[in-house]
Protein backbone atom coordinates (compact mmCIF):
# COMPACT_ATOMS: atom_id res chain seq x y z
CA MET A 1 0.00 0.00 0.00
CA PHE A 2 2.76 2.40 0.95
CA GLU A 3 4.69 1.52 -2.21
CA LYS A 4 1.64 2.20 -4.29
CA MET A 5 1.18 5.71 -2.86
CA LYS A 6 4.82 6.41 -3.42
CA ASN A 7 4.58 5.51 -7.03
CA ASN A 8 1.52 7.70 -7.48
CA ARG A 9 3.35 10.67 -5.97
CA ARG A 10 6.13 10.16 -8.46
CA LEU A 11 3.68 10.14 -11.29
CA VAL A 12 2.11 13.40 -10.07
CA ILE A 13 5.47 15.12 -9.75
CA LEU A 14 6.50 13.85 -13.20
CA GLY A 15 3.22 15.08 -14.66
CA MET A 16 3.65 18.51 -13.13
CA PHE A 17 7.19 18.69 -14.49
CA LEU A 18 5.96 17.82 -17.98
CA VAL A 19 3.26 20.49 -17.77
CA VAL A 20 5.84 23.12 -16.79
CA VAL A 21 8.18 22.03 -19.61
CA LEU A 22 5.37 22.11 -22.17
CA PHE A 23 4.27 25.57 -20.94
CA PHE A 24 7.71 27.05 -21.37
CA ALA A 25 8.22 25.27 -24.67
CA PHE A 26 4.91 26.67 -26.01
CA SER A 27 5.71 30.13 -24.73
CA TYR A 28 9.12 30.05 -26.41
CA SER A 29 7.61 28.82 -29.70
CA PHE A 30 4.97 31.57 -29.63
CA ALA A 31 7.65 34.14 -28.94
CA LEU A 32 9.63 32.88 -31.92
CA PHE A 33 6.51 33.05 -34.05
CA GLN A 34 5.91 36.62 -32.96
CA ASP A 35 9.53 37.51 -33.68
CA ARG A 36 9.21 36.14 -37.17
CA ILE A 37 6.08 38.18 -37.85
CA VAL A 38 7.67 41.36 -36.53
CA GLY A 39 10.80 40.61 -38.50
CA SER A 40 8.77 40.14 -41.69
CA ASN A 41 7.13 43.52 -41.18
CA LEU A 42 10.47 45.18 -40.68
CA ARG A 43 11.81 43.72 -43.87
CA LEU A 44 9.14 45.65 -45.84
CA GLU A 45 10.96 48.90 -45.07
CA VAL A 46 13.32 49.60 -48.01
CA GLY A 47 14.60 52.95 -46.79
CA THR A 48 13.83 56.41 -48.15
CA LEU A 49 13.19 56.63 -51.91
CA THR A 50 14.84 59.85 -53.06
CA TYR A 51 15.16 61.45 -56.50
CA SER A 52 16.77 64.45 -58.12
CA LEU A 53 15.20 66.79 -60.68
CA ASN A 54 17.86 68.35 -62.90
CA GLY A 55 20.27 67.79 -60.02
CA ASN A 56 18.06 69.27 -57.27
CA SER A 57 15.55 67.85 -54.83
CA VAL A 58 12.79 69.95 -56.45
CA TYR A 59 12.51 72.19 -59.52
CA GLN A 60 11.11 75.70 -59.11
CA THR A 61 10.33 78.34 -61.74
CA SER A 62 8.37 81.57 -62.20
CA VAL A 63 5.96 81.98 -65.09
CA ALA A 64 4.91 85.42 -66.34
CA PRO A 65 1.29 86.29 -67.21
CA GLY A 66 0.31 84.78 -70.56
CA GLU A 67 3.55 82.80 -70.77
CA GLU A 68 3.89 79.15 -71.70
CA LEU A 69 6.94 77.23 -70.51
CA GLU A 70 8.15 73.89 -71.82
CA ILE A 71 10.72 72.42 -69.42
CA GLU A 72 12.60 69.17 -69.87
CA ILE A 73 13.30 67.70 -66.44
CA THR A 74 15.76 64.87 -65.94
CA LEU A 75 14.40 62.73 -63.12
CA THR A 76 17.06 60.54 -61.50
CA SER A 77 16.47 57.86 -58.87
CA LEU A 78 18.98 57.91 -56.00
CA ALA A 79 17.70 54.58 -54.65
CA SER A 80 19.46 51.27 -55.20
CA VAL A 81 16.14 49.47 -55.71
CA ALA A 82 13.39 49.75 -58.32
CA SER A 83 10.45 51.96 -57.41
CA LYS A 84 7.25 53.59 -58.58
CA TYR A 85 7.22 57.39 -58.94
CA GLN A 86 4.71 60.21 -59.27
CA MET A 87 5.65 63.77 -60.23
CA TRP A 88 3.68 66.61 -58.67
CA TYR A 89 3.49 70.39 -58.54
CA LYS A 90 2.48 72.96 -55.95
CA SER A 91 2.34 76.72 -55.61
CA GLY A 92 1.52 79.42 -53.09
CA ASN A 93 -0.27 81.35 -55.83
CA ASP A 94 -3.79 81.07 -57.20
CA LEU A 95 -3.66 78.49 -60.00
CA THR A 96 -7.26 78.88 -61.18
CA ASN A 97 -6.15 79.93 -64.68
CA VAL A 98 -2.90 78.00 -64.74
CA VAL A 99 -2.44 74.61 -66.41
CA VAL A 100 0.39 72.28 -65.41
CA GLY A 101 0.89 69.05 -67.31
CA TYR A 102 3.34 67.24 -69.53
CA SER A 103 4.00 67.44 -73.27
CA SER A 104 2.34 64.83 -75.46
CA GLU A 105 5.78 64.45 -77.07
CA SER A 106 7.60 63.94 -73.75
CA THR A 107 10.21 61.18 -73.81
CA ASP A 108 8.85 59.68 -70.57
CA LEU A 109 5.68 59.96 -68.51
CA PRO A 110 5.40 61.85 -65.20
CA SER A 111 4.52 58.64 -63.36
CA GLY A 112 5.41 54.99 -63.66
CA GLU A 113 8.17 52.57 -62.71
CA MET A 114 11.79 53.57 -62.21
CA SER A 115 14.69 51.11 -62.21
CA ALA A 116 17.34 51.23 -59.50
CA ASN A 117 19.37 54.42 -60.02
CA GLY A 118 17.37 54.90 -63.21
CA GLU A 119 16.61 58.05 -65.18
CA LYS A 120 13.56 59.53 -66.91
CA LYS A 121 13.23 62.63 -69.10
CA VAL A 122 9.87 64.33 -68.65
CA THR A 123 8.83 67.51 -70.49
CA VAL A 124 6.69 69.55 -68.10
CA VAL A 125 4.42 72.24 -69.59
CA ILE A 126 3.17 75.26 -67.62
CA GLN A 127 0.58 77.57 -69.22
CA ASN A 128 -0.11 80.71 -67.23
CA ASN A 129 -3.39 82.09 -68.52
CA SER A 130 -3.79 84.42 -65.55
CA ALA A 131 -2.98 88.11 -65.24
CA SER A 132 -0.31 87.55 -62.57
CA SER A 133 3.04 85.81 -62.31
CA VAL A 134 3.04 82.45 -60.56
CA THR A 135 5.79 80.39 -58.97
CA ILE A 136 5.55 76.64 -59.52
CA THR A 137 7.46 73.97 -57.61
CA VAL A 138 7.80 70.55 -59.26
CA GLY A 139 8.74 67.49 -57.24
CA VAL A 140 8.42 63.71 -57.15
CA THR A 141 7.33 61.13 -54.59
CA GLY A 142 8.30 57.46 -54.73
CA GLY A 143 6.58 54.21 -53.80
CA LEU A 144 7.37 50.52 -53.55
CA ALA A 145 7.95 48.72 -56.83
CA ASN A 146 5.42 45.98 -55.91
CA ASN A 147 2.69 48.54 -55.33
CA SER A 148 0.86 50.64 -57.91
CA VAL A 149 1.38 54.32 -58.65
CA GLU A 150 -2.11 54.96 -57.23
CA ASP A 151 -0.83 53.81 -53.82
CA ILE A 152 1.57 56.76 -53.64
CA ILE A 153 0.25 59.33 -51.17
CA LEU A 154 0.99 63.02 -51.83
CA ALA A 155 0.85 65.91 -49.39
CA SER A 156 -2.37 67.94 -49.32
CA ASP A 157 -0.82 70.85 -51.28
CA GLU A 158 0.74 68.63 -53.95
CA LYS A 159 -1.12 67.97 -57.22
CA LYS A 160 -0.37 65.13 -59.62
CA ILE A 161 1.16 66.02 -62.98
CA GLU A 162 -1.11 63.91 -65.16
CA THR A 163 -2.57 66.12 -67.92
CA SER A 164 -1.15 65.53 -71.42
CA ILE A 165 -0.80 68.79 -73.38
CA GLU A 166 -0.38 68.89 -77.16
CA LEU A 167 1.73 71.91 -77.96
CA ALA A 168 1.32 74.01 -81.09
CA LYS A 169 4.05 73.34 -83.67
CA TYR A 170 5.31 76.63 -85.03
CA ASP A 171 8.44 78.74 -85.18
CA ILE A 172 6.84 82.17 -85.39
CA GLN A 173 3.37 83.24 -84.36
CA ILE A 174 2.04 86.45 -85.89
CA ALA A 175 0.42 88.24 -82.95
CA SER A 176 -0.91 91.21 -84.92
CA VAL A 177 -0.78 92.77 -88.40
CA LYS A 178 -1.32 96.38 -89.47
CA ILE A 179 -1.47 97.52 -93.12
CA ASP A 180 -1.15 101.26 -93.66
CA GLY A 181 -2.07 101.80 -90.02
CA GLN A 182 -5.19 99.64 -90.13
CA VAL A 183 -5.53 96.37 -88.20
CA ALA A 184 -5.63 93.38 -90.60
CA ASN A 185 -6.50 89.72 -90.09
CA SER A 186 -3.72 88.36 -92.31
CA LEU A 187 -0.54 89.19 -94.19
CA PRO A 188 -0.91 91.10 -97.50
CA THR A 189 -1.78 88.70 -100.30
CA SER A 190 -1.85 91.18 -103.18
CA GLY A 191 -0.44 94.58 -104.02
CA THR A 192 3.02 95.80 -103.10
CA TYR A 193 3.95 96.44 -99.46
CA THR A 194 7.09 96.85 -97.41
CA LEU A 195 7.55 95.62 -93.85
CA SER A 196 8.02 99.05 -92.29
CA ASN A 197 8.23 97.93 -88.66
CA TYR A 198 8.02 94.81 -86.53
CA THR A 199 8.65 93.72 -82.93
CA CYS A 200 9.40 90.17 -81.77
CA GLU A 201 9.25 89.15 -78.12
CA LYS A 202 12.46 87.12 -78.33
CA GLY A 203 14.32 89.51 -80.61
CA SER A 204 14.19 87.48 -83.83
CA THR A 205 15.08 89.01 -87.20
CA LEU A 206 12.43 88.87 -89.95
CA THR A 207 12.47 89.56 -93.69
CA TRP A 208 9.45 90.24 -95.90
CA ASP A 209 9.50 88.83 -99.42
CA THR A 210 7.53 91.41 -101.43
CA TYR A 211 7.01 89.12 -104.42
CA ARG A 212 6.15 85.86 -102.73
CA LYS A 213 4.22 87.59 -99.93
CA ALA A 214 5.99 85.54 -97.28
CA ILE A 215 7.87 86.07 -94.01
CA THR A 216 11.31 84.54 -93.62
CA PHE A 217 13.43 84.58 -90.49
CA SER A 218 17.14 84.46 -89.92
CA ALA A 219 19.09 81.51 -88.54
CA GLY A 220 19.04 81.48 -84.76
CA THR A 221 15.45 82.68 -84.52
CA GLN A 222 13.88 81.48 -81.29
CA GLN A 223 11.24 78.77 -81.42
CA LYS A 224 7.66 79.81 -80.69
CA GLU A 225 8.46 83.43 -81.35
CA SER A 226 5.63 85.96 -81.32
CA CYS A 227 5.85 89.03 -83.59
CA SER A 228 3.74 92.06 -84.44
CA LEU A 229 4.07 93.38 -88.01
CA GLU A 230 3.36 96.72 -89.69
CA PHE A 231 3.17 97.09 -93.48
CA THR A 232 2.96 100.19 -95.66
CA THR A 233 2.11 100.51 -99.34
CA SER A 234 5.28 100.68 -101.40
CA THR A 235 5.88 102.90 -104.42
CA ASN A 236 9.19 101.25 -105.28
CA TYR A 237 7.70 98.37 -107.23
CA PRO A 238 6.01 98.95 -110.64
CA LEU A 239 2.99 97.18 -112.02
CA LEU A 240 4.84 94.34 -113.75
CA THR A 241 6.40 92.64 -110.76
CA SER A 242 3.73 93.57 -108.25
CA ILE A 243 0.92 91.92 -110.24
CA ALA A 244 2.50 89.46 -112.70
CA LYS A 245 3.50 86.10 -111.24
CA GLN A 246 6.09 83.48 -112.05
CA GLY A 247 5.10 81.74 -115.29
CA ASP A 248 2.87 84.58 -116.55
CA TYR A 249 3.26 85.65 -120.19
CA VAL A 250 4.07 89.33 -120.80
CA ALA A 251 4.12 91.63 -123.81
CA TYR A 252 7.77 92.49 -124.42
CA GLU A 253 9.83 93.44 -127.47
CA GLY A 254 13.58 93.35 -127.71
CA ASN A 255 15.45 95.98 -129.75
CA ASN A 256 19.15 95.24 -129.43
CA GLY A 257 19.69 93.48 -132.74
CA CYS A 258 17.07 90.73 -132.87
CA MET A 259 16.00 89.79 -136.39
CA LYS A 260 13.13 91.43 -138.22
CA ASN A 261 13.14 88.88 -141.03
CA GLU A 262 13.08 85.16 -140.63
CA THR A 263 16.26 83.23 -141.27
CA SER A 264 15.62 79.62 -142.14
CA ASP A 265 17.70 76.66 -141.10
CA THR A 266 20.16 76.03 -143.94
CA GLY A 267 21.86 73.09 -142.28
CA THR A 268 23.87 75.21 -139.85
CA GLY A 269 21.12 75.35 -137.23
CA ASP A 270 21.24 79.16 -137.11
CA ALA A 271 17.56 79.70 -137.86
CA GLU A 272 15.88 82.75 -136.32
CA SER A 273 12.26 83.87 -136.30
CA GLY A 274 11.27 86.99 -138.18
CA ASN A 275 9.31 87.91 -135.02
CA SER A 276 12.07 86.94 -132.62
CA CYS A 277 11.90 90.36 -130.93
CA LEU A 278 8.41 89.40 -129.76
CA GLY A 279 9.48 85.94 -128.61
CA HIS A 280 8.29 83.96 -131.60
CA ASN A 281 10.20 80.78 -132.46
CA ALA A 282 12.70 79.89 -135.19
CA ASN A 283 11.35 78.16 -138.30
CA GLU A 284 7.90 79.37 -137.37
CA THR A 285 6.65 79.95 -140.93
CA LEU A 286 8.01 76.60 -142.12
CA ASP A 287 5.94 74.76 -139.57
CA THR A 288 2.39 74.97 -140.91
CA ASN A 289 1.15 71.57 -139.83
CA GLY A 290 -0.59 70.95 -136.51
CA ASN A 291 -0.82 74.53 -135.22
CA THR A 292 2.67 74.41 -133.78
CA TYR A 293 5.17 77.22 -133.51
CA GLY A 294 8.44 76.25 -135.15
CA TYR A 295 11.37 74.08 -134.13
CA CYS A 296 15.17 74.06 -133.86
CA TYR A 297 16.87 70.69 -133.93
CA SER A 298 14.32 68.85 -136.05
CA SER A 299 10.77 69.31 -137.29
CA ASN A 300 10.05 66.11 -135.36
CA TYR A 301 10.53 68.10 -132.14
CA LYS A 302 8.26 71.13 -132.38
CA PHE A 303 7.34 74.01 -130.10
CA TYR A 304 3.74 74.40 -129.01
CA VAL A 305 4.10 77.76 -127.22
CA LYS A 306 5.70 81.09 -128.02
CA GLY A 307 6.30 84.48 -126.44
CA TRP A 308 8.02 85.81 -123.29
CA ARG A 309 7.15 84.74 -119.79
CA ILE A 310 8.42 85.50 -116.27
CA ALA A 311 10.86 82.87 -115.08
CA TYR A 312 11.15 84.36 -111.56
CA THR A 313 11.41 87.67 -109.72
CA GLU A 314 14.28 88.68 -107.48
CA ASP A 315 16.04 91.83 -106.29
CA ASN A 316 13.56 94.19 -107.94
CA ARG A 317 13.80 92.45 -111.29
CA ALA A 318 11.54 90.24 -113.36
CA TYR A 319 13.63 87.66 -115.19
CA LEU A 320 12.19 86.73 -118.59
CA VAL A 321 12.62 83.57 -120.59
CA SER A 322 11.40 82.57 -124.03
CA ALA A 323 8.54 80.11 -124.03
CA GLY A 324 10.18 78.39 -127.02
CA SER A 325 13.30 79.55 -128.84
CA PRO A 326 13.36 82.69 -131.03
CA GLU A 327 16.82 81.70 -132.21
CA CYS A 328 18.50 78.33 -132.41
CA ASN A 329 21.85 77.79 -130.75
CA THR A 330 24.28 75.88 -132.96
CA LYS A 331 26.24 74.61 -129.96
CA THR A 332 25.16 71.09 -129.04
CA SER A 333 25.19 69.19 -125.78
CA SER A 334 28.56 67.71 -126.77
CA THR A 335 30.06 71.20 -126.57
CA ALA A 336 31.66 72.24 -123.31
CA ASN A 337 29.05 73.70 -120.97
CA ALA A 338 30.87 76.99 -120.50
CA THR A 339 31.06 77.55 -124.26
CA TYR A 340 27.40 76.65 -124.68
CA ILE A 341 26.32 79.08 -121.94
CA ASN A 342 28.50 81.89 -123.29
CA GLU A 343 27.00 81.41 -126.74
CA ALA A 344 23.49 81.53 -125.31
CA ASN A 345 24.25 84.68 -123.33
CA GLU A 346 25.67 86.43 -126.37
CA LYS A 347 22.55 85.62 -128.36
CA ALA A 348 20.32 86.71 -125.47
CA LYS A 349 21.79 90.21 -125.48
CA LYS A 350 20.13 90.76 -128.86
CA TYR A 351 16.73 90.60 -127.17
CA CYS A 352 17.47 93.22 -124.55
CA ASN A 353 15.45 96.45 -124.48
CA SER A 354 17.35 99.34 -122.88
CA ALA A 355 14.10 101.06 -121.90
CA PHE A 356 13.43 98.37 -119.29
CA VAL A 357 16.85 97.49 -117.85
CA ASP A 358 19.30 99.19 -115.52
CA GLY A 359 22.22 99.06 -117.97
CA ASP A 360 22.73 99.60 -121.69
CA CYS A 361 22.15 96.00 -122.83
CA SER A 362 25.89 95.37 -123.13
CA ASP A 363 25.97 93.04 -120.13
CA ASN A 364 24.58 89.52 -120.23
CA SER A 365 22.52 90.04 -117.09
CA ASP A 366 20.66 92.90 -118.78
CA ALA A 367 19.37 90.53 -121.40
CA TRP A 368 17.46 88.40 -118.92
CA ALA A 369 15.90 90.92 -116.56
CA ILE A 370 13.47 93.85 -116.59
CA SER A 371 14.28 96.33 -113.85
CA ASP A 372 11.64 97.45 -111.39
CA THR A 373 13.15 100.86 -110.73
């Protein structure tokens, strides 16, 4: 009986010892489990995601009233891990009439994924349509690569840059036009005018082409220039070049030795029209078939037009050319080019009219041009 009680006491003590061991073992395991959970949470922290914008932590600029700025910002990640990013802007000014977005032609978008130590080039556009200057600060906030851009939380005064803006494609914008002191809706399209005055916001140099009615600008002109133009009626350009256009036929008669009687081709190729002073073609009277107007090389290759027409206008001169050939040139394509051209120039002097040129018809250039002055 005594032995039996003794054995039972041992069993009780052993049982209590096992309970204590199991309690501490369970407590230790739970503590380890908790440590692992806490450790897992800690491993989600990847450190601060920082970026630079054109080498600075933020980019700040002032925009004048009515001004539009197009700014290329180089966004560089300073983190050694991939991340998501969202560019933003803020200002202490009223932005009711101010638009901040990015160019539709920007190399990269203002939000997305950035590789470790990666780089993006984003063209930010600021359009200040207000009557006051505004100061805009542009920055960027990062997020974890496994999250979405929408998970990035911005400060209350920071606005996402997310509006795509399609910019106008032009070099020069004509802000206003005046013709003889009167406001006009367009450049002159007829008549003869000089560009008497102009002002360009960025200091560009303009030239007005009186004949072609077009504005040209010098090399180095700023993009998206805005200019105001003033035109006045000019008296320096006569009727011919102010009204006649390139390719128009004109009534003109040479008087510097052009033939009055037709010379036929006798095998030498030196045929000349009897009306060559008026621009008629060689061998004109011999060609009576098919309503054509003479020929030079062969009757198989005939002219179908005659007269003088304006080849082009330049430097106050209208340069004339024969529609066909009042006189045939004996020099062929096998002849040296310089000789051929000299021969043609010598013949052309015969069709000069001293009443319409600057010189006395002794110079080759006189033969081709009618002076405007």
